[in-house]
Amino acid sequence: MAPKKIHSESARRYAITLEDKLVMIKRHEKDEKVVAIAQSFGMSQTTVSTIVHIKDKISAHIKFEVPGMKNTVINKKRGKIFEETGNLSLWIVGLNRQRAAISQEIIQEKALSLF
């Protein structure tokens, strides 16, 4: 199974799934050579050696993983104040494009109406 690319076509970096790392570790534990494992996955021997070398860290990571769930990074939802601040900025930009007169009082009134 080929690893997923995480950059443009010209880049040579790949994301290796946890499942692939586990397969590499198990094959190495069955006394398969690193060279053979690397060739089957289409990656360098150094990469496979590093994965095999840090198998303790990978195993520790698996203990905290929920079964059946993929490892994904979840972005924190931004708060309402941050969202409303963005709306206020867009409103000001819109007024600037219309070349409308903007004063501090007008901005404060709009801000109070949003919050």
PDB file of N, CA and C in Angstrom:
ATOM      1  N   MET A   1       0.837  -1.164   0.000  1.00  0.00           N
ATOM      2  CA  MET A   1       0.000   0.000   0.000  1.00  0.00           C
ATOM      3  C   MET A   1       0.888   1.235   0.000  1.00  0.00           C
ATOM      4  N   ALA A   2       0.688   2.107  -0.960  1.00  0.00           N
ATOM      5  CA  ALA A   2       1.513   3.298  -1.072  1.00  0.00           C
ATOM      6  C   ALA A   2       1.046   4.355  -0.084  1.00  0.00           C
ATOM      7  N   PRO A   3       1.978   5.109   0.509  1.00  0.00           N
ATOM      8  CA  PRO A   3       1.597   6.155   1.446  1.00  0.00           C
ATOM      9  C   PRO A   3       0.917   7.321   0.738  1.00  0.00           C
ATOM     10  N   LYS A   4       0.150   8.096   1.493  1.00  0.00           N
ATOM     11  CA  LYS A   4      -0.540   9.247   0.935  1.00  0.00           C
ATOM     12  C   LYS A   4       0.413  10.419   0.813  1.00  0.00           C
ATOM     13  N   LYS A   5       0.285  11.165  -0.284  1.00  0.00           N
ATOM     14  CA  LYS A   5       1.096  12.365  -0.436  1.00  0.00           C
ATOM     15  C   LYS A   5       0.442  13.493   0.340  1.00  0.00           C
ATOM     16  N   ILE A   6       1.255  14.296   0.990  1.00  0.00           N
ATOM     17  CA  ILE A   6       0.719  15.409   1.749  1.00  0.00           C
ATOM     18  C   ILE A   6       1.161  16.756   1.181  1.00  0.00           C
ATOM     19  N   HIS A   7       1.956  16.747   0.138  1.00  0.00           N
ATOM     20  CA  HIS A   7       2.420  17.981  -0.486  1.00  0.00           C
ATOM     21  C   HIS A   7       2.162  17.898  -1.985  1.00  0.00           C
ATOM     22  N   SER A   8       2.637  18.880  -2.702  1.00  0.00           N
ATOM     23  CA  SER A   8       2.463  18.904  -4.146  1.00  0.00           C
ATOM     24  C   SER A   8       3.235  17.759  -4.800  1.00  0.00           C
ATOM     25  N   GLU A   9       3.003  17.576  -6.089  1.00  0.00           N
ATOM     26  CA  GLU A   9       3.648  16.485  -6.820  1.00  0.00           C
ATOM     27  C   GLU A   9       5.173  16.594  -6.793  1.00  0.00           C
ATOM     28  N   SER A  10       5.715  17.804  -6.732  1.00  0.00           N
ATOM     29  CA  SER A  10       7.168  17.958  -6.766  1.00  0.00           C
ATOM     30  C   SER A  10       7.821  17.582  -5.430  1.00  0.00           C
ATOM     31  N   ALA A  11       7.062  17.629  -4.352  1.00  0.00           N
ATOM     32  CA  ALA A  11       7.624  17.294  -3.044  1.00  0.00           C
ATOM     33  C   ALA A  11       7.734  15.779  -2.903  1.00  0.00           C
ATOM     34  N   ARG A  12       8.639  15.337  -2.050  1.00  0.00           N
ATOM     35  CA  ARG A  12       8.855  13.901  -1.873  1.00  0.00           C
ATOM     36  C   ARG A  12       8.461  13.436  -0.481  1.00  0.00           C
ATOM     37  N   ARG A  13       7.673  14.207   0.236  1.00  0.00           N
ATOM     38  CA  ARG A  13       7.264  13.838   1.585  1.00  0.00           C
ATOM     39  C   ARG A  13       5.937  13.114   1.538  1.00  0.00           C
ATOM     40  N   TYR A  14       5.782  12.121   2.399  1.00  0.00           N
ATOM     41  CA  TYR A  14       4.565  11.328   2.432  1.00  0.00           C
ATOM     42  C   TYR A  14       4.102  11.146   3.867  1.00  0.00           C
ATOM     43  N   ALA A  15       2.794  10.986   4.023  1.00  0.00           N
ATOM     44  CA  ALA A  15       2.231  10.636   5.326  1.00  0.00           C
ATOM     45  C   ALA A  15       2.058   9.128   5.343  1.00  0.00           C
ATOM     46  N   ILE A  16       2.626   8.495   6.319  1.00  0.00           N
ATOM     47  CA  ILE A  16       2.535   7.041   6.429  1.00  0.00           C
ATOM     48  C   ILE A  16       1.484   6.739   7.488  1.00  0.00           C
ATOM     49  N   THR A  17       0.483   5.972   7.115  1.00  0.00           N
ATOM     50  CA  THR A  17      -0.602   5.677   8.039  1.00  0.00           C
ATOM     51  C   THR A  17      -0.116   4.791   9.173  1.00  0.00           C
ATOM     52  N   LEU A  18      -0.842   4.849  10.267  1.00  0.00           N
ATOM     53  CA  LEU A  18      -0.512   4.042  11.432  1.00  0.00           C
ATOM     54  C   LEU A  18      -0.618   2.556  11.104  1.00  0.00           C
ATOM     55  N   GLU A  19      -1.597   2.206  10.283  1.00  0.00           N
ATOM     56  CA  GLU A  19      -1.766   0.809   9.887  1.00  0.00           C
ATOM     57  C   GLU A  19      -0.544   0.300   9.121  1.00  0.00           C
ATOM     58  N   ASP A  20      -0.017   1.139   8.204  1.00  0.00           N
ATOM     59  CA  ASP A  20       1.178   0.751   7.452  1.00  0.00           C
ATOM     60  C   ASP A  20       2.383   0.580   8.375  1.00  0.00           C
ATOM     61  N   LYS A  21       2.502   1.463   9.355  1.00  0.00           N
ATOM     62  CA  LYS A  21       3.613   1.347  10.301  1.00  0.00           C
ATOM     63  C   LYS A  21       3.524   0.046  11.086  1.00  0.00           C
ATOM     64  N   LEU A  22       2.308  -0.314  11.493  1.00  0.00           N
ATOM     65  CA  LEU A  22       2.127  -1.568  12.222  1.00  0.00           C
ATOM     66  C   LEU A  22       2.491  -2.773  11.368  1.00  0.00           C
ATOM     67  N   VAL A  23       2.116  -2.728  10.084  1.00  0.00           N
ATOM     68  CA  VAL A  23       2.462  -3.824   9.174  1.00  0.00           C
ATOM     69  C   VAL A  23       3.980  -3.940   9.052  1.00  0.00           C
ATOM     70  N   MET A  24       4.655  -2.802   8.928  1.00  0.00           N
ATOM     71  CA  MET A  24       6.118  -2.816   8.828  1.00  0.00           C
ATOM     72  C   MET A  24       6.747  -3.422  10.076  1.00  0.00           C
ATOM     73  N   ILE A  25       6.251  -3.036  11.245  1.00  0.00           N
ATOM     74  CA  ILE A  25       6.800  -3.544  12.505  1.00  0.00           C
ATOM     75  C   ILE A  25       6.573  -5.049  12.612  1.00  0.00           C
ATOM     76  N   LYS A  26       5.379  -5.513  12.284  1.00  0.00           N
ATOM     77  CA  LYS A  26       5.077  -6.949  12.375  1.00  0.00           C
ATOM     78  C   LYS A  26       5.931  -7.756  11.411  1.00  0.00           C
ATOM     79  N   ARG A  27       6.123  -7.227  10.204  1.00  0.00           N
ATOM     80  CA  ARG A  27       6.961  -7.939   9.235  1.00  0.00           C
ATOM     81  C   ARG A  27       8.402  -8.010   9.715  1.00  0.00           C
ATOM     82  N   HIS A  28       8.878  -6.937  10.349  1.00  0.00           N
ATOM     83  CA  HIS A  28      10.245  -6.930  10.857  1.00  0.00           C
ATOM     84  C   HIS A  28      10.397  -7.905  12.026  1.00  0.00           C
ATOM     85  N   GLU A  29       9.364  -8.000  12.852  1.00  0.00           N
ATOM     86  CA  GLU A  29       9.411  -8.942  13.974  1.00  0.00           C
ATOM     87  C   GLU A  29       9.412 -10.396  13.499  1.00  0.00           C
ATOM     88  N   LYS A  30       8.921 -10.633  12.283  1.00  0.00           N
ATOM     89  CA  LYS A  30       8.955 -11.978  11.695  1.00  0.00           C
ATOM     90  C   LYS A  30      10.272 -12.218  10.959  1.00  0.00           C
ATOM     91  N   ASP A  31      11.258 -11.398  11.264  1.00  0.00           N
ATOM     92  CA  ASP A  31      12.624 -11.491  10.708  1.00  0.00           C
ATOM     93  C   ASP A  31      12.700 -11.201   9.220  1.00  0.00           C
ATOM     94  N   GLU A  32      11.793 -10.399   8.713  1.00  0.00           N
ATOM     95  CA  GLU A  32      11.915  -9.959   7.324  1.00  0.00           C
ATOM     96  C   GLU A  32      12.885  -8.782   7.291  1.00  0.00           C
ATOM     97  N   LYS A  33      13.721  -8.740   6.286  1.00  0.00           N
ATOM     98  CA  LYS A  33      14.746  -7.701   6.199  1.00  0.00           C
ATOM     99  C   LYS A  33      14.119  -6.343   5.877  1.00  0.00           C
ATOM    100  N   VAL A  34      14.763  -5.299   6.389  1.00  0.00           N
ATOM    101  CA  VAL A  34      14.299  -3.930   6.179  1.00  0.00           C
ATOM    102  C   VAL A  34      14.272  -3.590   4.695  1.00  0.00           C
ATOM    103  N   VAL A  35      15.249  -4.107   3.962  1.00  0.00           N
ATOM    104  CA  VAL A  35      15.332  -3.838   2.521  1.00  0.00           C
ATOM    105  C   VAL A  35      14.071  -4.335   1.811  1.00  0.00           C
ATOM    106  N   ALA A  36      13.637  -5.537   2.145  1.00  0.00           N
ATOM    107  CA  ALA A  36      12.456  -6.117   1.505  1.00  0.00           C
ATOM    108  C   ALA A  36      11.191  -5.344   1.874  1.00  0.00           C
ATOM    109  N   ILE A  37      11.092  -4.944   3.132  1.00  0.00           N
ATOM    110  CA  ILE A  37       9.930  -4.171   3.574  1.00  0.00           C
ATOM    111  C   ILE A  37       9.892  -2.822   2.855  1.00  0.00           C
ATOM    112  N   ALA A  38      11.043  -2.166   2.777  1.00  0.00           N
ATOM    113  CA  ALA A  38      11.122  -0.864   2.116  1.00  0.00           C
ATOM    114  C   ALA A  38      10.737  -0.966   0.644  1.00  0.00           C
ATOM    115  N   GLN A  39      11.204  -1.989  -0.031  1.00  0.00           N
ATOM    116  CA  GLN A  39      10.875  -2.156  -1.447  1.00  0.00           C
ATOM    117  C   GLN A  39       9.392  -2.403  -1.640  1.00  0.00           C
ATOM    118  N   SER A  40       8.772  -3.172  -0.761  1.00  0.00           N
ATOM    119  CA  SER A  40       7.351  -3.468  -0.920  1.00  0.00           C
ATOM    120  C   SER A  40       6.480  -2.234  -0.685  1.00  0.00           C
ATOM    121  N   PHE A  41       6.947  -1.320   0.157  1.00  0.00           N
ATOM    122  CA  PHE A  41       6.189  -0.095   0.407  1.00  0.00           C
ATOM    123  C   PHE A  41       6.629   1.061  -0.485  1.00  0.00           C
ATOM    124  N   GLY A  42       7.705   0.867  -1.244  1.00  0.00           N
ATOM    125  CA  GLY A  42       8.179   1.911  -2.150  1.00  0.00           C
ATOM    126  C   GLY A  42       8.777   3.101  -1.428  1.00  0.00           C
ATOM    127  N   MET A  43       9.501   2.834  -0.356  1.00  0.00           N
ATOM    128  CA  MET A  43      10.136   3.922   0.388  1.00  0.00           C
ATOM    129  C   MET A  43      11.558   3.534   0.752  1.00  0.00           C
ATOM    130  N   SER A  44      12.274   4.482   1.319  1.00  0.00           N
ATOM    131  CA  SER A  44      13.685   4.244   1.618  1.00  0.00           C
ATOM    132  C   SER A  44      13.860   3.315   2.824  1.00  0.00           C
ATOM    133  N   GLN A  45      15.010   2.681   2.870  1.00  0.00           N
ATOM    134  CA  GLN A  45      15.352   1.798   3.981  1.00  0.00           C
ATOM    135  C   GLN A  45      15.445   2.583   5.287  1.00  0.00           C
ATOM    136  N   THR A  46      15.913   3.807   5.185  1.00  0.00           N
ATOM    137  CA  THR A  46      16.058   4.648   6.371  1.00  0.00           C
ATOM    138  C   THR A  46      14.708   4.911   7.021  1.00  0.00           C
ATOM    139  N   THR A  47      13.701   5.165   6.210  1.00  0.00           N
ATOM    140  CA  THR A  47      12.366   5.424   6.739  1.00  0.00           C
ATOM    141  C   THR A  47      11.837   4.208   7.485  1.00  0.00           C
ATOM    142  N   VAL A  48      11.962   3.041   6.875  1.00  0.00           N
ATOM    143  CA  VAL A  48      11.485   1.811   7.504  1.00  0.00           C
ATOM    144  C   VAL A  48      12.281   1.531   8.772  1.00  0.00           C
ATOM    145  N   SER A  49      13.588   1.731   8.733  1.00  0.00           N
ATOM    146  CA  SER A  49      14.429   1.519   9.919  1.00  0.00           C
ATOM    147  C   SER A  49      14.010   2.430  11.065  1.00  0.00           C
ATOM    148  N   THR A  50      13.702   3.668  10.744  1.00  0.00           N
ATOM    149  CA  THR A  50      13.264   4.611  11.767  1.00  0.00           C
ATOM    150  C   THR A  50      11.949   4.156  12.391  1.00  0.00           C
ATOM    151  N   ILE A  51      11.021   3.711  11.560  1.00  0.00           N
ATOM    152  CA  ILE A  51       9.734   3.239  12.069  1.00  0.00           C
ATOM    153  C   ILE A  51       9.923   2.032  12.968  1.00  0.00           C
ATOM    154  N   VAL A  52      10.767   1.109  12.547  1.00  0.00           N
ATOM    155  CA  VAL A  52      11.025  -0.087  13.354  1.00  0.00           C
ATOM    156  C   VAL A  52      11.724   0.298  14.660  1.00  0.00           C
ATOM    157  N   HIS A  53      12.606   1.281  14.583  1.00  0.00           N
ATOM    158  CA  HIS A  53      13.355   1.713  15.763  1.00  0.00           C
ATOM    159  C   HIS A  53      12.449   2.359  16.807  1.00  0.00           C
ATOM    160  N   ILE A  54      11.414   3.080  16.379  1.00  0.00           N
ATOM    161  CA  ILE A  54      10.525   3.779  17.319  1.00  0.00           C
ATOM    162  C   ILE A  54       9.232   3.000  17.555  1.00  0.00           C
ATOM    163  N   LYS A  55       9.295   1.683  17.426  1.00  0.00           N
ATOM    164  CA  LYS A  55       8.088   0.875  17.576  1.00  0.00           C
ATOM    165  C   LYS A  55       7.476   1.005  18.966  1.00  0.00           C
ATOM    166  N   ASP A  56       8.273   1.295  19.985  1.00  0.00           N
ATOM    167  CA  ASP A  56       7.735   1.487  21.332  1.00  0.00           C
ATOM    168  C   ASP A  56       6.826   2.717  21.385  1.00  0.00           C
ATOM    169  N   LYS A  57       7.256   3.788  20.744  1.00  0.00           N
ATOM    170  CA  LYS A  57       6.437   5.005  20.716  1.00  0.00           C
ATOM    171  C   LYS A  57       5.148   4.765  19.930  1.00  0.00           C
ATOM    172  N   ILE A  58       5.263   4.047  18.829  1.00  0.00           N
ATOM    173  CA  ILE A  58       4.082   3.750  18.015  1.00  0.00           C
ATOM    174  C   ILE A  58       3.119   2.870  18.800  1.00  0.00           C
ATOM    175  N   SER A  59       3.639   1.886  19.504  1.00  0.00           N
ATOM    176  CA  SER A  59       2.801   1.010  20.326  1.00  0.00           C
ATOM    177  C   SER A  59       2.111   1.788  21.436  1.00  0.00           C
ATOM    178  N   ALA A  60       2.827   2.716  22.048  1.00  0.00           N
ATOM    179  CA  ALA A  60       2.226   3.541  23.103  1.00  0.00           C
ATOM    180  C   ALA A  60       1.108   4.402  22.537  1.00  0.00           C
ATOM    181  N   HIS A  61       1.287   4.878  21.316  1.00  0.00           N
ATOM    182  CA  HIS A  61       0.272   5.704  20.666  1.00  0.00           C
ATOM    183  C   HIS A  61      -0.997   4.892  20.409  1.00  0.00           C
ATOM    184  N   ILE A  62      -0.837   3.632  20.078  1.00  0.00           N
ATOM    185  CA  ILE A  62      -1.973   2.768  19.776  1.00  0.00           C
ATOM    186  C   ILE A  62      -2.819   2.534  21.023  1.00  0.00           C
ATOM    187  N   LYS A  63      -2.192   2.464  22.180  1.00  0.00           N
ATOM    188  CA  LYS A  63      -2.919   2.223  23.423  1.00  0.00           C
ATOM    189  C   LYS A  63      -3.958   3.306  23.705  1.00  0.00           C
ATOM    190  N   PHE A  64      -3.667   4.536  23.267  1.00  0.00           N
ATOM    191  CA  PHE A  64      -4.569   5.646  23.532  1.00  0.00           C
ATOM    192  C   PHE A  64      -5.543   5.894  22.389  1.00  0.00           C
ATOM    193  N   GLU A  65      -5.431   5.143  21.324  1.00  0.00           N
ATOM    194  CA  GLU A  65      -6.307   5.340  20.176  1.00  0.00           C
ATOM    195  C   GLU A  65      -7.613   4.579  20.386  1.00  0.00           C
ATOM    196  N   VAL A  66      -8.711   5.180  19.955  1.00  0.00           N
ATOM    197  CA  VAL A  66     -10.016   4.534  20.047  1.00  0.00           C
ATOM    198  C   VAL A  66     -10.129   3.537  18.900  1.00  0.00           C
ATOM    199  N   PRO A  67     -10.534   2.291  19.164  1.00  0.00           N
ATOM    200  CA  PRO A  67     -10.648   1.300  18.092  1.00  0.00           C
ATOM    201  C   PRO A  67     -11.633   1.747  17.011  1.00  0.00           C
ATOM    202  N   GLY A  68     -11.239   1.545  15.771  1.00  0.00           N
ATOM    203  CA  GLY A  68     -12.098   1.894  14.647  1.00  0.00           C
ATOM    204  C   GLY A  68     -12.057   3.355  14.251  1.00  0.00           C
ATOM    205  N   MET A  69     -11.326   4.161  14.991  1.00  0.00           N
ATOM    206  CA  MET A  69     -11.250   5.587  14.676  1.00  0.00           C
ATOM    207  C   MET A  69      -9.911   5.873  14.018  1.00  0.00           C
ATOM    208  N   LYS A  70      -9.943   6.720  13.010  1.00  0.00           N
ATOM    209  CA  LYS A  70      -8.707   7.131  12.370  1.00  0.00           C
ATOM    210  C   LYS A  70      -8.138   8.322  13.119  1.00  0.00           C
ATOM    211  N   ASN A  71      -6.825   8.468  13.049  1.00  0.00           N
ATOM    212  CA  ASN A  71      -6.187   9.617  13.679  1.00  0.00           C
ATOM    213  C   ASN A  71      -6.430  10.839  12.821  1.00  0.00           C
ATOM    214  N   THR A  72      -7.151  11.783  13.353  1.00  0.00           N
ATOM    215  CA  THR A  72      -7.395  13.021  12.638  1.00  0.00           C
ATOM    216  C   THR A  72      -7.162  14.174  13.589  1.00  0.00           C
ATOM    217  N   VAL A  73      -6.770  15.276  13.032  1.00  0.00           N
ATOM    218  CA  VAL A  73      -6.587  16.477  13.821  1.00  0.00           C
ATOM    219  C   VAL A  73      -7.883  17.264  13.747  1.00  0.00           C
ATOM    220  N   ILE A  74      -8.420  17.600  14.884  1.00  0.00           N
ATOM    221  CA  ILE A  74      -9.670  18.345  14.934  1.00  0.00           C
ATOM    222  C   ILE A  74      -9.345  19.778  15.311  1.00  0.00           C
ATOM    223  N   ASN A  75      -9.768  20.695  14.464  1.00  0.00           N
ATOM    224  CA  ASN A  75      -9.545  22.102  14.749  1.00  0.00           C
ATOM    225  C   ASN A  75     -10.513  22.565  15.817  1.00  0.00           C
ATOM    226  N   LYS A  76     -10.036  23.399  16.679  1.00  0.00           N
ATOM    227  CA  LYS A  76     -10.911  23.950  17.697  1.00  0.00           C
ATOM    228  C   LYS A  76     -11.847  24.950  17.040  1.00  0.00           C
ATOM    229  N   LYS A  77     -13.095  24.908  17.449  1.00  0.00           N
ATOM    230  CA  LYS A  77     -14.059  25.855  16.921  1.00  0.00           C
ATOM    231  C   LYS A  77     -13.783  27.214  17.543  1.00  0.00           C
ATOM    232  N   ARG A  78     -13.754  28.201  16.712  1.00  0.00           N
ATOM    233  CA  ARG A  78     -13.485  29.538  17.214  1.00  0.00           C
ATOM    234  C   ARG A  78     -14.712  30.063  17.938  1.00  0.00           C
ATOM    235  N   GLY A  79     -14.460  30.883  18.898  1.00  0.00           N
ATOM    236  CA  GLY A  79     -15.537  31.412  19.718  1.00  0.00           C
ATOM    237  C   GLY A  79     -16.379  32.432  18.992  1.00  0.00           C
ATOM    238  N   LYS A  80     -17.535  32.723  19.580  1.00  0.00           N
ATOM    239  CA  LYS A  80     -18.477  33.664  18.995  1.00  0.00           C
ATOM    240  C   LYS A  80     -17.874  35.057  18.889  1.00  0.00           C
ATOM    241  N   ILE A  81     -17.105  35.460  19.879  1.00  0.00           N
ATOM    242  CA  ILE A  81     -16.515  36.802  19.844  1.00  0.00           C
ATOM    243  C   ILE A  81     -15.563  36.933  18.663  1.00  0.00           C
ATOM    244  N   PHE A  82     -14.745  35.892  18.441  1.00  0.00           N
ATOM    245  CA  PHE A  82     -13.819  35.925  17.309  1.00  0.00           C
ATOM    246  C   PHE A  82     -14.586  36.016  15.996  1.00  0.00           C
ATOM    247  N   GLU A  83     -15.665  35.259  15.894  1.00  0.00           N
ATOM    248  CA  GLU A  83     -16.484  35.259  14.676  1.00  0.00           C
ATOM    249  C   GLU A  83     -17.123  36.630  14.448  1.00  0.00           C
ATOM    250  N   GLU A  84     -17.663  37.219  15.504  1.00  0.00           N
ATOM    251  CA  GLU A  84     -18.307  38.526  15.378  1.00  0.00           C
ATOM    252  C   GLU A  84     -17.285  39.619  15.070  1.00  0.00           C
ATOM    253  N   THR A  85     -16.065  39.482  15.591  1.00  0.00           N
ATOM    254  CA  THR A  85     -15.013  40.446  15.268  1.00  0.00           C
ATOM    255  C   THR A  85     -14.712  40.402  13.773  1.00  0.00           C
ATOM    256  N   GLY A  86     -14.700  39.192  13.214  1.00  0.00           N
ATOM    257  CA  GLY A  86     -14.498  39.057  11.772  1.00  0.00           C
ATOM    258  C   GLY A  86     -15.630  39.693  10.988  1.00  0.00           C
ATOM    259  N   ASN A  87     -16.870  39.520  11.472  1.00  0.00           N
ATOM    260  CA  ASN A  87     -18.012  40.152  10.806  1.00  0.00           C
ATOM    261  C   ASN A  87     -17.899  41.664  10.852  1.00  0.00           C
ATOM    262  N   LEU A  88     -17.447  42.199  11.979  1.00  0.00           N
ATOM    263  CA  LEU A  88     -17.269  43.643  12.116  1.00  0.00           C
ATOM    264  C   LEU A  88     -16.211  44.141  11.135  1.00  0.00           C
ATOM    265  N   SER A  89     -15.128  43.407  10.994  1.00  0.00           N
ATOM    266  CA  SER A  89     -14.068  43.784  10.048  1.00  0.00           C
ATOM    267  C   SER A  89     -14.592  43.795   8.617  1.00  0.00           C
ATOM    268  N   LEU A  90     -15.372  42.785   8.273  1.00  0.00           N
ATOM    269  CA  LEU A  90     -15.943  42.741   6.923  1.00  0.00           C
ATOM    270  C   LEU A  90     -16.890  43.909   6.681  1.00  0.00           C
ATOM    271  N   TRP A  91     -17.640  44.275   7.699  1.00  0.00           N
ATOM    272  CA  TRP A  91     -18.558  45.406   7.582  1.00  0.00           C
ATOM    273  C   TRP A  91     -17.789  46.707   7.336  1.00  0.00           C
ATOM    274  N   ILE A  92     -16.680  46.869   8.072  1.00  0.00           N
ATOM    275  CA  ILE A  92     -15.851  48.071   7.903  1.00  0.00           C
ATOM    276  C   ILE A  92     -15.233  48.110   6.516  1.00  0.00           C
ATOM    277  N   VAL A  93     -14.737  46.970   6.038  1.00  0.00           N
ATOM    278  CA  VAL A  93     -14.146  46.903   4.698  1.00  0.00           C
ATOM    279  C   VAL A  93     -15.205  47.260   3.649  1.00  0.00           C
ATOM    280  N   GLY A  94     -16.414  46.751   3.840  1.00  0.00           N
ATOM    281  CA  GLY A  94     -17.498  47.072   2.906  1.00  0.00           C
ATOM    282  C   GLY A  94     -17.800  48.561   2.865  1.00  0.00           C
ATOM    283  N   LEU A  95     -17.814  49.199   4.036  1.00  0.00           N
ATOM    284  CA  LEU A  95     -18.047  50.645   4.083  1.00  0.00           C
ATOM    285  C   LEU A  95     -16.909  51.402   3.409  1.00  0.00           C
ATOM    286  N   ASN A  96     -15.679  50.932   3.598  1.00  0.00           N
ATOM    287  CA  ASN A  96     -14.530  51.578   2.946  1.00  0.00           C
ATOM    288  C   ASN A  96     -14.637  51.478   1.434  1.00  0.00           C
ATOM    289  N   ARG A  97     -15.078  50.342   0.934  1.00  0.00           N
ATOM    290  CA  ARG A  97     -15.231  50.175  -0.515  1.00  0.00           C
ATOM    291  C   ARG A  97     -16.311  51.095  -1.076  1.00  0.00           C
ATOM    292  N   GLN A  98     -17.333  51.348  -0.275  1.00  0.00           N
ATOM    293  CA  GLN A  98     -18.405  52.254  -0.699  1.00  0.00           C
ATOM    294  C   GLN A  98     -18.026  53.713  -0.491  1.00  0.00           C
ATOM    295  N   ARG A  99     -16.850  53.902   0.067  1.00  0.00           N
ATOM    296  CA  ARG A  99     -16.343  55.229   0.402  1.00  0.00           C
ATOM    297  C   ARG A  99     -17.292  55.994   1.316  1.00  0.00           C
ATOM    298  N   ALA A 100     -17.889  55.258   2.245  1.00  0.00           N
ATOM    299  CA  ALA A 100     -18.790  55.863   3.215  1.00  0.00           C
ATOM    300  C   ALA A 100     -17.970  56.444   4.363  1.00  0.00           C
ATOM    301  N   ALA A 101     -18.522  57.473   4.977  1.00  0.00           N
ATOM    302  CA  ALA A 101     -17.846  58.099   6.119  1.00  0.00           C
ATOM    303  C   ALA A 101     -17.972  57.182   7.321  1.00  0.00           C
ATOM    304  N   ILE A 102     -16.839  56.883   7.955  1.00  0.00           N
ATOM    305  CA  ILE A 102     -16.826  56.001   9.121  1.00  0.00           C
ATOM    306  C   ILE A 102     -16.233  56.765  10.294  1.00  0.00           C
ATOM    307  N   SER A 103     -16.941  56.714  11.407  1.00  0.00           N
ATOM    308  CA  SER A 103     -16.415  57.332  12.620  1.00  0.00           C
ATOM    309  C   SER A 103     -16.332  56.274  13.717  1.00  0.00           C
ATOM    310  N   GLN A 104     -15.674  56.635  14.783  1.00  0.00           N
ATOM    311  CA  GLN A 104     -15.523  55.711  15.898  1.00  0.00           C
ATOM    312  C   GLN A 104     -16.881  55.384  16.509  1.00  0.00           C
ATOM    313  N   GLU A 105     -17.756  56.367  16.554  1.00  0.00           N
ATOM    314  CA  GLU A 105     -19.085  56.143  17.124  1.00  0.00           C
ATOM    315  C   GLU A 105     -19.883  55.140  16.310  1.00  0.00           C
ATOM    316  N   ILE A 106     -19.796  55.216  14.988  1.00  0.00           N
ATOM    317  CA  ILE A 106     -20.527  54.290  14.117  1.00  0.00           C
ATOM    318  C   ILE A 106     -20.016  52.863  14.321  1.00  0.00           C
ATOM    319  N   ILE A 107     -18.707  52.730  14.412  1.00  0.00           N
ATOM    320  CA  ILE A 107     -18.114  51.405  14.615  1.00  0.00           C
ATOM    321  C   ILE A 107     -18.516  50.857  15.980  1.00  0.00           C
ATOM    322  N   GLN A 108     -18.511  51.691  17.003  1.00  0.00           N
ATOM    323  CA  GLN A 108     -18.898  51.235  18.334  1.00  0.00           C
ATOM    324  C   GLN A 108     -20.366  50.791  18.369  1.00  0.00           C
ATOM    325  N   GLU A 109     -21.239  51.541  17.686  1.00  0.00           N
ATOM    326  CA  GLU A 109     -22.653  51.157  17.640  1.00  0.00           C
ATOM    327  C   GLU A 109     -22.827  49.803  16.961  1.00  0.00           C
ATOM    328  N   LYS A 110     -22.115  49.622  15.864  1.00  0.00           N
ATOM    329  CA  LYS A 110     -22.199  48.338  15.144  1.00  0.00           C
ATOM    330  C   LYS A 110     -21.669  47.195  16.018  1.00  0.00           C
ATOM    331  N   ALA A 111     -20.569  47.436  16.700  1.00  0.00           N
ATOM    332  CA  ALA A 111     -19.979  46.422  17.557  1.00  0.00           C
ATOM    333  C   ALA A 111     -20.939  46.033  18.680  1.00  0.00           C
ATOM    334  N   LEU A 112     -21.574  47.022  19.289  1.00  0.00           N
ATOM    335  CA  LEU A 112     -22.531  46.745  20.347  1.00  0.00           C
ATOM    336  C   LEU A 112     -23.755  45.977  19.835  1.00  0.00           C
ATOM    337  N   SER A 113     -24.150  46.242  18.600  1.00  0.00           N
ATOM    338  CA  SER A 113     -25.303  45.537  18.045  1.00  0.00           C
ATOM    339  C   SER A 113     -24.946  44.078  17.727  1.00  0.00           C
ATOM    340  N   LEU A 114     -23.678  43.822  17.409  1.00  0.00           N
ATOM    341  CA  LEU A 114     -23.248  42.452  17.116  1.00  0.00           C
ATOM    342  C   LEU A 114     -23.081  41.627  18.383  1.00  0.00           C
ATOM    343  N   PHE A 115     -22.575  42.244  19.455  1.00  0.00           N
ATOM    344  CA  PHE A 115     -22.304  41.513  20.686  1.00  0.00           C
ATOM    345  C   PHE A 115     -23.462  41.686  21.591  1.00  0.00           C
TER     346      PHE A 115
END
